[in-house]
Amino acid sequence: MARDLSLALDAASRRMRRSKSEIVQAAVAAYLSADGEEASEAAVTRRLDRISRAIERLERDVTISNEAVALFVKAWLTATPSLSAGDQRAQNAKGQERYVGFLDALSRRLASGRLLRSEISEERDVT
């Protein structure tokens, strides 16, 4: 056990670029501090709040993505006519060409950092 603590202290000292005595002094002070437990609890609460907000944003973004895809698929299925066998080959080739274009456009958009969620927020603010 003492060996494990010593190794952990060595690693923390290197990682934090602090002397071992500084780390031990801070740890003992935090342990003996009357409000040390309250400070730790407050830190955990702040971290949990940040995680909760991040999860809420993620949930919102996933909902927007799901709805956008669902609306597109519904519109596409509604508007796309059935094709004869001859037309289908030409449409498959055109579909492949459009798919490659879609992937290129998606790659450029993601690389630019301009996301749909920001456009939706901006449009809602204008109206």
Protein backbone atom coordinates (compact mmCIF):
# COMPACT_ATOMS: atom_id res chain seq x y z
CA MET A 1 0.00 0.00 0.00
CA ALA A 2 2.75 2.47 0.95
CA ARG A 3 4.63 1.56 -2.23
CA ASP A 4 1.49 2.27 -4.34
CA LEU A 5 1.08 5.65 -2.67
CA SER A 6 4.72 6.47 -3.24
CA LEU A 7 4.44 5.60 -6.94
CA ALA A 8 1.23 7.63 -7.26
CA LEU A 9 2.92 10.59 -5.56
CA ASP A 10 5.91 10.32 -7.91
CA ALA A 11 3.59 10.26 -10.94
CA ALA A 12 1.53 13.21 -9.64
CA SER A 13 4.69 15.18 -8.96
CA ARG A 14 5.90 14.72 -12.53
CA ARG A 15 2.47 15.35 -14.07
CA MET A 16 1.73 18.47 -12.01
CA ARG A 17 5.35 19.71 -12.08
CA ARG A 18 5.25 20.25 -8.32
CA SER A 19 7.44 18.90 -5.57
CA LYS A 20 6.21 15.92 -3.62
CA SER A 21 6.23 17.95 -0.42
CA GLU A 22 3.91 20.56 -2.01
CA ILE A 23 1.48 17.85 -3.05
CA VAL A 24 1.55 16.17 0.36
CA GLN A 25 1.13 19.51 2.14
CA ALA A 26 -1.90 20.40 -0.01
CA ALA A 27 -3.42 16.94 0.50
CA VAL A 28 -3.00 17.07 4.29
CA ALA A 29 -4.41 20.60 4.41
CA ALA A 30 -7.43 19.56 2.35
CA TYR A 31 -7.95 16.47 4.51
CA LEU A 32 -7.75 18.41 7.78
CA SER A 33 -9.73 21.40 6.55
CA ALA A 34 -13.16 21.75 8.15
CA ASP A 35 -14.71 22.78 4.85
CA GLY A 36 -12.70 20.33 2.74
CA GLU A 37 -15.62 17.96 2.43
CA GLU A 38 -17.97 20.80 1.52
CA ALA A 39 -15.53 22.08 -1.10
CA SER A 40 -15.24 18.61 -2.58
CA GLU A 41 -19.00 18.25 -2.66
CA ALA A 42 -19.35 21.67 -4.32
CA ALA A 43 -16.76 20.71 -6.93
CA VAL A 44 -18.58 17.46 -7.67
CA THR A 45 -21.89 19.32 -7.89
CA ARG A 46 -20.42 21.85 -10.35
CA ARG A 47 -18.99 19.06 -12.46
CA LEU A 48 -22.31 17.19 -12.47
CA ASP A 49 -24.10 20.39 -13.50
CA ARG A 50 -21.70 20.85 -16.43
CA ILE A 51 -22.20 17.23 -17.47
CA SER A 52 -25.98 17.63 -17.24
CA ARG A 53 -25.91 20.71 -19.47
CA ALA A 54 -23.68 18.92 -21.98
CA ILE A 55 -26.05 15.96 -22.07
CA GLU A 56 -29.02 18.30 -22.59
CA ARG A 57 -27.24 19.96 -25.53
CA LEU A 58 -26.37 16.56 -26.97
CA GLU A 59 -29.96 15.39 -26.61
CA ARG A 60 -31.19 18.55 -28.37
CA ASP A 61 -28.71 18.11 -31.21
CA VAL A 62 -29.62 14.43 -31.68
CA THR A 63 -33.32 15.34 -31.71
CA ILE A 64 -32.70 18.00 -34.38
CA SER A 65 -30.70 15.51 -36.45
CA ASN A 66 -33.32 12.79 -36.14
CA GLU A 67 -36.14 15.14 -37.11
CA ALA A 68 -34.20 16.55 -40.07
CA VAL A 69 -33.46 13.06 -41.42
CA ALA A 70 -37.04 11.91 -40.83
CA LEU A 71 -38.49 14.94 -42.66
CA PHE A 72 -36.09 14.44 -45.56
CA VAL A 73 -36.91 10.73 -45.88
CA LYS A 74 -40.66 11.43 -45.71
CA ALA A 75 -40.39 14.10 -48.41
CA TRP A 76 -38.17 11.91 -50.57
CA LEU A 77 -40.48 8.90 -50.31
CA THR A 78 -43.49 11.07 -51.10
CA ALA A 79 -41.96 12.86 -54.08
CA THR A 80 -39.94 10.07 -55.75
CA PRO A 81 -41.84 8.36 -58.59
CA SER A 82 -41.45 4.68 -59.47
CA LEU A 83 -39.09 4.00 -62.39
CA SER A 84 -39.07 1.58 -65.28
CA ALA A 85 -36.15 -0.88 -65.53
CA GLY A 86 -34.28 1.21 -68.14
CA ASP A 87 -34.71 4.43 -66.19
CA GLN A 88 -33.64 2.72 -62.99
CA ARG A 89 -30.08 2.06 -64.22
CA ALA A 90 -29.64 5.69 -65.20
CA GLN A 91 -31.13 6.83 -61.90
CA ASN A 92 -28.81 4.51 -59.94
CA ALA A 93 -25.81 6.08 -61.66
CA LYS A 94 -27.18 9.56 -60.98
CA GLY A 95 -27.90 8.53 -57.37
CA GLN A 96 -24.29 7.43 -56.89
CA GLU A 97 -23.08 10.74 -58.34
CA ARG A 98 -25.37 12.69 -56.02
CA TYR A 99 -24.30 10.59 -53.03
CA VAL A 100 -20.63 11.39 -53.67
CA GLY A 101 -21.60 15.06 -53.94
CA PHE A 102 -23.52 14.79 -50.68
CA LEU A 103 -20.50 13.29 -48.90
CA ASP A 104 -18.26 16.05 -50.28
CA ALA A 105 -20.70 18.75 -49.14
CA LEU A 106 -21.05 17.12 -45.71
CA SER A 107 -17.28 16.92 -45.31
CA ARG A 108 -16.85 20.59 -46.25
CA ARG A 109 -19.63 21.64 -43.89
CA LEU A 110 -18.23 19.69 -40.94
CA ALA A 111 -14.73 21.02 -41.64
CA SER A 112 -16.03 24.61 -41.72
CA GLY A 113 -17.61 24.25 -38.28
CA ARG A 114 -20.93 25.71 -39.54
CA LEU A 115 -23.57 23.33 -38.22
CA LEU A 116 -27.30 23.05 -38.80
CA ARG A 117 -28.07 23.62 -35.13
CA SER A 118 -26.55 27.11 -35.26
CA GLU A 119 -28.55 27.96 -38.39
CA ILE A 120 -31.74 26.78 -36.69
CA SER A 121 -31.00 28.94 -33.66
CA GLU A 122 -30.27 31.97 -35.87
CA GLU A 123 -33.45 31.46 -37.92
CA ARG A 124 -35.55 31.19 -34.76
CA ASP A 125 -34.04 34.43 -33.42
CA VAL A 126 -34.89 36.30 -36.65
CA THR A 127 -38.55 35.22 -36.74
